[in-house]
Amino acid sequence: MESLERQIQQLEENISYMHVNDAQISKGSVGWHIEHCLLVLITVISALKKSDPHRYTWVFNWKRVWVFFTQKIPRGRVKAPSYVDPQVDPLHVTDQLTKVKQSLEEMKTLPHKAYFHHFIFGDLDLKDTHYFLRIHTHHHLKIMAELINGDAEAGQ
């Protein structure tokens, strides 16, 4: 799996395909997936920055273990929370990309017990959050590749 920085670069490279859509592959267009990934990155890193590392507690979560082990998020099983549901605006995406790149730099300075609460996986510390973001972004990059290449069979 690629580094988060490389994944952000791939999101940026896919901007020229924002309009591409195929309902057999995904309900969202390439632009929807790009903006969703950026919103997740911004929201999660913001939560990390606001967290109180002293309040972090690790709790076993079998769903987290399974997703982290397989490095795959099942398709069509979970609806994204409304606060990361994009509007698909090319100008907004450019602003978000800038914010994500800045946030990633800030993330590097956070304490290792900084955390965010995922609605399925529970509390994720900095290391697990970084790993989750890589898995999540990879998941959407694969869908975008299928949309761009018109490959409805690949996601089966």
N, C-alpha and C. Protein backbone atom coordinates (compact mmCIF):
# COMPACT_ATOMS: atom_id res chain seq x y z
N MET A 1 0.85 -1.18 0.00
CA MET A 1 0.00 0.00 0.00
C MET A 1 0.90 1.24 0.00
N GLU A 2 0.49 2.23 -0.74
CA GLU A 2 1.27 3.45 -0.88
C GLU A 2 1.25 4.29 0.40
N SER A 3 2.23 5.18 0.50
CA SER A 3 2.24 6.13 1.62
C SER A 3 1.07 7.09 1.47
N LEU A 4 0.68 7.68 2.55
CA LEU A 4 -0.44 8.63 2.53
C LEU A 4 -0.12 9.81 1.61
N GLU A 5 1.12 10.28 1.63
CA GLU A 5 1.51 11.40 0.77
C GLU A 5 1.35 11.03 -0.71
N ARG A 6 1.75 9.80 -1.07
CA ARG A 6 1.62 9.35 -2.46
C ARG A 6 0.14 9.21 -2.82
N GLN A 7 -0.66 8.75 -1.88
CA GLN A 7 -2.10 8.63 -2.14
C GLN A 7 -2.74 10.00 -2.40
N ILE A 8 -2.31 11.00 -1.64
CA ILE A 8 -2.83 12.36 -1.85
C ILE A 8 -2.45 12.83 -3.25
N GLN A 9 -1.24 12.52 -3.66
CA GLN A 9 -0.80 12.87 -5.02
C GLN A 9 -1.68 12.18 -6.07
N GLN A 10 -2.04 10.93 -5.81
CA GLN A 10 -2.92 10.22 -6.75
C GLN A 10 -4.31 10.85 -6.79
N LEU A 11 -4.81 11.28 -5.63
CA LEU A 11 -6.10 11.98 -5.61
C LEU A 11 -6.03 13.22 -6.49
N GLU A 12 -4.93 13.95 -6.34
CA GLU A 12 -4.74 15.17 -7.12
C GLU A 12 -4.67 14.86 -8.61
N GLU A 13 -4.01 13.78 -8.97
CA GLU A 13 -3.89 13.38 -10.39
C GLU A 13 -5.25 12.99 -10.97
N ASN A 14 -6.17 12.53 -10.12
CA ASN A 14 -7.49 12.10 -10.60
C ASN A 14 -8.48 13.25 -10.77
N ILE A 15 -8.09 14.46 -10.39
CA ILE A 15 -9.01 15.60 -10.48
C ILE A 15 -9.53 15.80 -11.91
N SER A 16 -8.71 15.56 -12.90
CA SER A 16 -9.15 15.76 -14.29
C SER A 16 -10.25 14.77 -14.69
N TYR A 17 -10.48 13.75 -13.87
CA TYR A 17 -11.53 12.75 -14.13
C TYR A 17 -12.74 12.93 -13.22
N MET A 18 -12.84 14.06 -12.55
CA MET A 18 -13.89 14.27 -11.54
C MET A 18 -15.30 13.95 -12.05
N HIS A 19 -15.54 14.20 -13.31
CA HIS A 19 -16.88 14.02 -13.89
C HIS A 19 -17.23 12.55 -14.18
N VAL A 20 -16.24 11.66 -14.18
CA VAL A 20 -16.47 10.27 -14.58
C VAL A 20 -17.35 9.57 -13.55
N ASN A 21 -18.36 8.87 -14.06
CA ASN A 21 -19.33 8.20 -13.21
C ASN A 21 -19.80 6.93 -13.90
N ASP A 22 -20.07 5.88 -13.14
CA ASP A 22 -20.63 4.64 -13.66
C ASP A 22 -21.38 3.98 -12.50
N ALA A 23 -22.71 4.01 -12.57
CA ALA A 23 -23.54 3.51 -11.47
C ALA A 23 -23.33 2.02 -11.20
N GLN A 24 -22.83 1.27 -12.18
CA GLN A 24 -22.54 -0.16 -11.96
C GLN A 24 -21.35 -0.35 -11.02
N ILE A 25 -20.49 0.65 -10.97
CA ILE A 25 -19.29 0.56 -10.13
C ILE A 25 -19.51 1.27 -8.80
N SER A 26 -20.08 2.47 -8.85
CA SER A 26 -20.27 3.26 -7.63
C SER A 26 -21.38 4.28 -7.84
N LYS A 27 -22.07 4.61 -6.75
CA LYS A 27 -23.08 5.66 -6.81
C LYS A 27 -22.43 7.03 -7.00
N GLY A 28 -21.18 7.16 -6.52
CA GLY A 28 -20.48 8.44 -6.59
C GLY A 28 -19.55 8.52 -7.78
N SER A 29 -19.34 9.72 -8.25
CA SER A 29 -18.38 9.97 -9.34
C SER A 29 -16.96 9.96 -8.78
N VAL A 30 -15.99 10.04 -9.67
CA VAL A 30 -14.59 10.16 -9.23
C VAL A 30 -14.46 11.39 -8.34
N GLY A 31 -15.10 12.48 -8.72
CA GLY A 31 -15.05 13.70 -7.91
C GLY A 31 -15.62 13.50 -6.52
N TRP A 32 -16.70 12.72 -6.41
CA TRP A 32 -17.28 12.42 -5.10
C TRP A 32 -16.25 11.70 -4.23
N HIS A 33 -15.59 10.70 -4.80
CA HIS A 33 -14.61 9.91 -4.05
C HIS A 33 -13.40 10.76 -3.65
N ILE A 34 -12.95 11.64 -4.54
CA ILE A 34 -11.83 12.52 -4.21
C ILE A 34 -12.20 13.40 -3.03
N GLU A 35 -13.32 14.09 -3.17
CA GLU A 35 -13.72 15.04 -2.11
C GLU A 35 -14.04 14.31 -0.80
N HIS A 36 -14.63 13.14 -0.88
CA HIS A 36 -14.90 12.36 0.33
C HIS A 36 -13.59 12.04 1.05
N CYS A 37 -12.60 11.56 0.31
CA CYS A 37 -11.30 11.24 0.93
C CYS A 37 -10.70 12.48 1.59
N LEU A 38 -10.76 13.61 0.92
CA LEU A 38 -10.19 14.84 1.47
C LEU A 38 -10.94 15.27 2.73
N LEU A 39 -12.27 15.17 2.70
CA LEU A 39 -13.06 15.52 3.88
C LEU A 39 -12.73 14.61 5.06
N VAL A 40 -12.58 13.32 4.79
CA VAL A 40 -12.22 12.37 5.86
C VAL A 40 -10.86 12.75 6.44
N LEU A 41 -9.89 12.99 5.58
CA LEU A 41 -8.55 13.36 6.05
C LEU A 41 -8.60 14.62 6.91
N ILE A 42 -9.28 15.64 6.44
CA ILE A 42 -9.37 16.91 7.17
C ILE A 42 -10.07 16.71 8.52
N THR A 43 -11.19 16.01 8.51
CA THR A 43 -11.98 15.79 9.72
C THR A 43 -11.21 14.96 10.75
N VAL A 44 -10.58 13.89 10.29
CA VAL A 44 -9.86 12.99 11.20
C VAL A 44 -8.64 13.68 11.79
N ILE A 45 -7.86 14.37 10.96
CA ILE A 45 -6.67 15.04 11.47
C ILE A 45 -7.06 16.16 12.43
N SER A 46 -8.15 16.84 12.15
CA SER A 46 -8.65 17.87 13.05
C SER A 46 -9.02 17.25 14.41
N ALA A 47 -9.67 16.09 14.38
CA ALA A 47 -10.03 15.41 15.64
C ALA A 47 -8.78 14.98 16.40
N LEU A 48 -7.75 14.52 15.69
CA LEU A 48 -6.48 14.16 16.34
C LEU A 48 -5.90 15.36 17.07
N LYS A 49 -5.91 16.51 16.39
CA LYS A 49 -5.32 17.72 16.97
C LYS A 49 -6.08 18.18 18.21
N LYS A 50 -7.39 17.96 18.24
CA LYS A 50 -8.21 18.41 19.36
C LYS A 50 -8.24 17.40 20.51
N SER A 51 -7.77 16.19 20.27
CA SER A 51 -7.89 15.13 21.29
C SER A 51 -6.99 15.38 22.48
N ASP A 52 -7.37 14.81 23.59
CA ASP A 52 -6.56 14.83 24.80
C ASP A 52 -5.88 13.47 24.91
N PRO A 53 -4.59 13.39 24.59
CA PRO A 53 -3.89 12.10 24.59
C PRO A 53 -3.99 11.33 25.90
N HIS A 54 -4.20 12.01 27.00
CA HIS A 54 -4.31 11.35 28.30
C HIS A 54 -5.61 10.57 28.45
N ARG A 55 -6.58 10.86 27.59
CA ARG A 55 -7.87 10.18 27.67
C ARG A 55 -7.96 8.97 26.74
N TYR A 56 -6.92 8.74 25.94
CA TYR A 56 -6.94 7.61 25.01
C TYR A 56 -6.85 6.29 25.76
N THR A 57 -7.72 5.35 25.39
CA THR A 57 -7.64 3.99 25.92
C THR A 57 -7.87 3.01 24.77
N TRP A 58 -7.01 2.01 24.71
CA TRP A 58 -7.14 0.99 23.68
C TRP A 58 -8.17 -0.04 24.11
N VAL A 59 -9.06 -0.40 23.20
CA VAL A 59 -10.05 -1.44 23.44
C VAL A 59 -10.06 -2.36 22.22
N PHE A 60 -10.07 -3.67 22.46
CA PHE A 60 -10.11 -4.62 21.35
C PHE A 60 -11.38 -4.41 20.53
N ASN A 61 -11.23 -4.45 19.20
CA ASN A 61 -12.36 -4.31 18.30
C ASN A 61 -12.12 -5.26 17.13
N TRP A 62 -12.91 -6.29 17.02
CA TRP A 62 -12.67 -7.30 15.99
C TRP A 62 -12.85 -6.76 14.57
N LYS A 63 -13.76 -5.82 14.38
CA LYS A 63 -13.94 -5.23 13.03
C LYS A 63 -12.69 -4.47 12.61
N ARG A 64 -12.11 -3.72 13.55
CA ARG A 64 -10.86 -3.00 13.27
C ARG A 64 -9.75 -3.99 12.94
N VAL A 65 -9.63 -5.03 13.74
CA VAL A 65 -8.58 -6.04 13.50
C VAL A 65 -8.74 -6.64 12.11
N TRP A 66 -9.96 -6.98 11.73
CA TRP A 66 -10.19 -7.60 10.42
C TRP A 66 -9.83 -6.64 9.28
N VAL A 67 -10.28 -5.40 9.37
CA VAL A 67 -9.98 -4.43 8.30
C VAL A 67 -8.49 -4.12 8.25
N PHE A 68 -7.86 -3.98 9.40
CA PHE A 68 -6.42 -3.70 9.41
C PHE A 68 -5.62 -4.89 8.89
N PHE A 69 -6.04 -6.11 9.21
CA PHE A 69 -5.34 -7.30 8.77
C PHE A 69 -5.48 -7.50 7.26
N THR A 70 -6.70 -7.36 6.75
CA THR A 70 -6.95 -7.58 5.32
C THR A 70 -6.59 -6.36 4.48
N GLN A 71 -6.51 -5.21 5.13
CA GLN A 71 -6.28 -3.93 4.45
C GLN A 71 -7.36 -3.64 3.41
N LYS A 72 -8.57 -4.11 3.70
CA LYS A 72 -9.69 -3.91 2.78
C LYS A 72 -10.93 -3.48 3.56
N ILE A 73 -11.66 -2.57 2.95
CA ILE A 73 -12.95 -2.12 3.49
C ILE A 73 -14.02 -2.71 2.57
N PRO A 74 -14.96 -3.47 3.12
CA PRO A 74 -16.01 -4.05 2.27
C PRO A 74 -16.83 -2.95 1.59
N ARG A 75 -17.16 -3.17 0.35
CA ARG A 75 -17.94 -2.17 -0.38
C ARG A 75 -19.42 -2.27 -0.08
N GLY A 76 -20.04 -1.09 -0.02
CA GLY A 76 -21.49 -1.01 0.10
C GLY A 76 -22.06 -1.42 1.45
N ARG A 77 -21.22 -1.59 2.45
CA ARG A 77 -21.71 -2.03 3.76
C ARG A 77 -21.97 -0.86 4.71
N VAL A 78 -21.27 0.24 4.50
CA VAL A 78 -21.35 1.35 5.45
C VAL A 78 -21.66 2.64 4.69
N LYS A 79 -22.56 3.43 5.22
CA LYS A 79 -22.87 4.76 4.66
C LYS A 79 -21.98 5.78 5.36
N ALA A 80 -21.32 6.61 4.57
CA ALA A 80 -20.45 7.64 5.13
C ALA A 80 -21.27 8.62 5.96
N PRO A 81 -20.75 9.03 7.12
CA PRO A 81 -21.46 10.05 7.92
C PRO A 81 -21.66 11.32 7.08
N SER A 82 -22.72 12.04 7.34
CA SER A 82 -23.08 13.21 6.52
C SER A 82 -21.99 14.28 6.49
N TYR A 83 -21.20 14.42 7.56
CA TYR A 83 -20.18 15.46 7.58
C TYR A 83 -19.01 15.17 6.64
N VAL A 84 -18.94 13.96 6.07
CA VAL A 84 -17.92 13.67 5.07
C VAL A 84 -18.57 13.30 3.74
N ASP A 85 -19.81 13.75 3.55
CA ASP A 85 -20.53 13.54 2.30
C ASP A 85 -20.31 14.79 1.43
N PRO A 86 -19.57 14.65 0.34
CA PRO A 86 -19.14 15.82 -0.43
C PRO A 86 -20.21 16.45 -1.32
N GLN A 87 -19.90 17.67 -1.74
CA GLN A 87 -20.75 18.42 -2.66
C GLN A 87 -20.23 18.36 -4.10
N VAL A 88 -19.00 17.90 -4.28
CA VAL A 88 -18.31 17.78 -5.57
C VAL A 88 -18.22 19.13 -6.28
N ASP A 89 -17.34 19.95 -5.77
CA ASP A 89 -17.07 21.28 -6.31
C ASP A 89 -15.58 21.36 -6.60
N PRO A 90 -15.19 21.48 -7.89
CA PRO A 90 -13.76 21.49 -8.24
C PRO A 90 -12.95 22.56 -7.51
N LEU A 91 -13.52 23.75 -7.30
CA LEU A 91 -12.79 24.79 -6.59
C LEU A 91 -12.59 24.42 -5.12
N HIS A 92 -13.61 23.82 -4.55
CA HIS A 92 -13.55 23.38 -3.16
C HIS A 92 -12.48 22.30 -2.99
N VAL A 93 -12.39 21.39 -3.96
CA VAL A 93 -11.41 20.30 -3.91
C VAL A 93 -9.99 20.86 -3.88
N THR A 94 -9.72 21.88 -4.67
CA THR A 94 -8.39 22.48 -4.69
C THR A 94 -8.04 23.07 -3.32
N ASP A 95 -9.00 23.76 -2.72
CA ASP A 95 -8.79 24.31 -1.37
C ASP A 95 -8.57 23.20 -0.35
N GLN A 96 -9.35 22.14 -0.47
CA GLN A 96 -9.22 21.02 0.45
C GLN A 96 -7.87 20.32 0.31
N LEU A 97 -7.38 20.19 -0.91
CA LEU A 97 -6.07 19.57 -1.13
C LEU A 97 -4.98 20.34 -0.39
N THR A 98 -5.03 21.65 -0.49
CA THR A 98 -4.06 22.49 0.21
C THR A 98 -4.16 22.27 1.72
N LYS A 99 -5.39 22.23 2.22
CA LYS A 99 -5.60 22.03 3.65
C LYS A 99 -5.12 20.65 4.10
N VAL A 100 -5.35 19.63 3.29
CA VAL A 100 -4.91 18.27 3.62
C VAL A 100 -3.39 18.20 3.70
N LYS A 101 -2.72 18.80 2.74
CA LYS A 101 -1.25 18.77 2.74
C LYS A 101 -0.69 19.46 3.99
N GLN A 102 -1.28 20.56 4.36
CA GLN A 102 -0.87 21.27 5.57
C GLN A 102 -1.17 20.43 6.82
N SER A 103 -2.36 19.82 6.85
CA SER A 103 -2.76 19.00 7.99
C SER A 103 -1.86 17.78 8.16
N LEU A 104 -1.42 17.19 7.04
CA LEU A 104 -0.52 16.04 7.12
C LEU A 104 0.80 16.42 7.77
N GLU A 105 1.28 17.61 7.47
CA GLU A 105 2.52 18.08 8.10
C GLU A 105 2.30 18.28 9.60
N GLU A 106 1.16 18.85 9.97
CA GLU A 106 0.84 19.05 11.39
C GLU A 106 0.69 17.71 12.10
N MET A 107 0.16 16.70 11.41
CA MET A 107 -0.05 15.39 11.99
C MET A 107 1.28 14.77 12.45
N LYS A 108 2.34 15.09 11.75
CA LYS A 108 3.66 14.54 12.07
C LYS A 108 4.18 15.03 13.42
N THR A 109 3.62 16.10 13.93
CA THR A 109 4.10 16.68 15.19
C THR A 109 3.24 16.28 16.39
N LEU A 110 2.19 15.51 16.16
CA LEU A 110 1.26 15.16 17.23
C LEU A 110 1.82 14.04 18.12
N PRO A 111 1.42 14.02 19.40
CA PRO A 111 1.86 12.94 20.28
C PRO A 111 1.28 11.60 19.83
N HIS A 112 1.99 10.51 20.09
CA HIS A 112 1.56 9.20 19.61
C HIS A 112 0.25 8.74 20.23
N LYS A 113 -0.17 9.33 21.32
CA LYS A 113 -1.46 8.96 21.94
C LYS A 113 -2.59 9.93 21.55
N ALA A 114 -2.29 10.84 20.60
CA ALA A 114 -3.39 11.62 20.04
C ALA A 114 -4.32 10.60 19.39
N TYR A 115 -5.62 10.85 19.40
CA TYR A 115 -6.55 9.85 18.87
C TYR A 115 -7.80 10.50 18.30
N PHE A 116 -8.52 9.68 17.55
CA PHE A 116 -9.86 10.10 17.13
C PHE A 116 -10.79 8.91 17.31
N HIS A 117 -12.06 9.20 17.49
CA HIS A 117 -13.05 8.15 17.70
C HIS A 117 -13.74 7.83 16.38
N HIS A 118 -13.52 6.60 15.89
CA HIS A 118 -14.18 6.14 14.67
C HIS A 118 -15.51 5.50 15.05
N PHE A 119 -16.53 5.76 14.28
CA PHE A 119 -17.87 5.31 14.64
C PHE A 119 -18.03 3.79 14.62
N ILE A 120 -17.12 3.06 14.00
CA ILE A 120 -17.17 1.59 14.01
C ILE A 120 -15.98 1.00 14.77
N PHE A 121 -14.80 1.54 14.57
CA PHE A 121 -13.58 0.97 15.13
C PHE A 121 -13.23 1.46 16.53
N GLY A 122 -13.93 2.46 17.03
CA GLY A 122 -13.63 3.01 18.34
C GLY A 122 -12.45 3.97 18.28
N ASP A 123 -11.76 4.15 19.41
CA ASP A 123 -10.64 5.08 19.48
C ASP A 123 -9.42 4.52 18.75
N LEU A 124 -8.85 5.34 17.87
CA LEU A 124 -7.64 4.97 17.14
C LEU A 124 -6.55 5.97 17.50
N ASP A 125 -5.40 5.47 17.99
CA ASP A 125 -4.29 6.36 18.30
C ASP A 125 -3.65 6.84 17.00
N LEU A 126 -2.62 7.64 17.11
CA LEU A 126 -2.01 8.27 15.93
C LEU A 126 -1.56 7.24 14.91
N LYS A 127 -0.86 6.20 15.36
CA LYS A 127 -0.35 5.17 14.44
C LYS A 127 -1.51 4.45 13.75
N ASP A 128 -2.51 4.03 14.52
CA ASP A 128 -3.66 3.34 13.94
C ASP A 128 -4.49 4.26 13.05
N THR A 129 -4.58 5.52 13.41
CA THR A 129 -5.30 6.48 12.59
C THR A 129 -4.61 6.64 11.23
N HIS A 130 -3.30 6.75 11.26
CA HIS A 130 -2.54 6.87 10.01
C HIS A 130 -2.79 5.64 9.13
N TYR A 131 -2.76 4.47 9.74
CA TYR A 131 -2.99 3.23 9.00
C TYR A 131 -4.42 3.18 8.45
N PHE A 132 -5.38 3.56 9.27
CA PHE A 132 -6.77 3.61 8.81
C PHE A 132 -6.92 4.56 7.61
N LEU A 133 -6.31 5.73 7.69
CA LEU A 133 -6.41 6.70 6.58
C LEU A 133 -5.81 6.14 5.30
N ARG A 134 -4.74 5.39 5.42
CA ARG A 134 -4.14 4.76 4.24
C ARG A 134 -5.07 3.70 3.64
N ILE A 135 -5.67 2.87 4.50
CA ILE A 135 -6.60 1.84 4.02
C ILE A 135 -7.83 2.49 3.39
N HIS A 136 -8.37 3.49 4.05
CA HIS A 136 -9.57 4.18 3.56
C HIS A 136 -9.30 4.85 2.21
N THR A 137 -8.19 5.57 2.11
CA THR A 137 -7.88 6.27 0.87
C THR A 137 -7.61 5.26 -0.25
N HIS A 138 -6.91 4.17 0.07
CA HIS A 138 -6.63 3.12 -0.91
C HIS A 138 -7.95 2.53 -1.44
N HIS A 139 -8.89 2.29 -0.54
CA HIS A 139 -10.21 1.77 -0.90
C HIS A 139 -10.86 2.66 -1.97
N HIS A 140 -10.83 3.96 -1.75
CA HIS A 140 -11.47 4.88 -2.70
C HIS A 140 -10.64 5.05 -3.97
N LEU A 141 -9.32 4.98 -3.88
CA LEU A 141 -8.48 5.05 -5.08
C LEU A 141 -8.76 3.86 -6.00
N LYS A 142 -9.00 2.69 -5.42
CA LYS A 142 -9.33 1.51 -6.23
C LYS A 142 -10.66 1.73 -6.96
N ILE A 143 -11.63 2.27 -6.27
CA ILE A 143 -12.93 2.54 -6.91
C ILE A 143 -12.76 3.56 -8.02
N MET A 144 -11.98 4.62 -7.76
CA MET A 144 -11.73 5.64 -8.79
C MET A 144 -11.06 5.02 -10.01
N ALA A 145 -10.09 4.14 -9.80
CA ALA A 145 -9.40 3.49 -10.92
C ALA A 145 -10.39 2.69 -11.76
N GLU A 146 -11.30 2.00 -11.10
CA GLU A 146 -12.33 1.25 -11.83
C GLU A 146 -13.23 2.19 -12.62
N LEU A 147 -13.61 3.30 -12.02
CA LEU A 147 -14.45 4.28 -12.72
C LEU A 147 -13.71 4.84 -13.94
N ILE A 148 -12.47 5.21 -13.74
CA ILE A 148 -11.68 5.82 -14.82
C ILE A 148 -11.44 4.82 -15.95
N ASN A 149 -11.17 3.58 -15.58
CA ASN A 149 -10.87 2.55 -16.59
C ASN A 149 -12.12 1.85 -17.11
N GLY A 150 -13.29 2.19 -16.55
CA GLY A 150 -14.55 1.58 -16.99
C GLY A 150 -14.59 0.09 -16.72
N ASP A 151 -14.04 -0.33 -15.58
CA ASP A 151 -13.89 -1.74 -15.26
C ASP A 151 -14.84 -2.17 -14.14
N ALA A 152 -16.10 -2.39 -14.50
CA ALA A 152 -17.11 -2.77 -13.51
C ALA A 152 -16.83 -4.15 -12.92
N GLU A 153 -16.11 -4.99 -13.65
CA GLU A 153 -15.81 -6.35 -13.19
C GLU A 153 -14.78 -6.39 -12.07
N ALA A 154 -13.87 -5.42 -12.02
CA ALA A 154 -12.73 -5.44 -11.09
C ALA A 154 -13.16 -5.41 -9.63
N GLY A 155 -14.24 -4.75 -9.30
CA GLY A 155 -14.66 -4.61 -7.92
C GLY A 155 -15.46 -5.78 -7.40
N GLN A 156 -15.77 -6.73 -8.26
CA GLN A 156 -16.59 -7.87 -7.84
C GLN A 156 -15.88 -8.76 -6.87
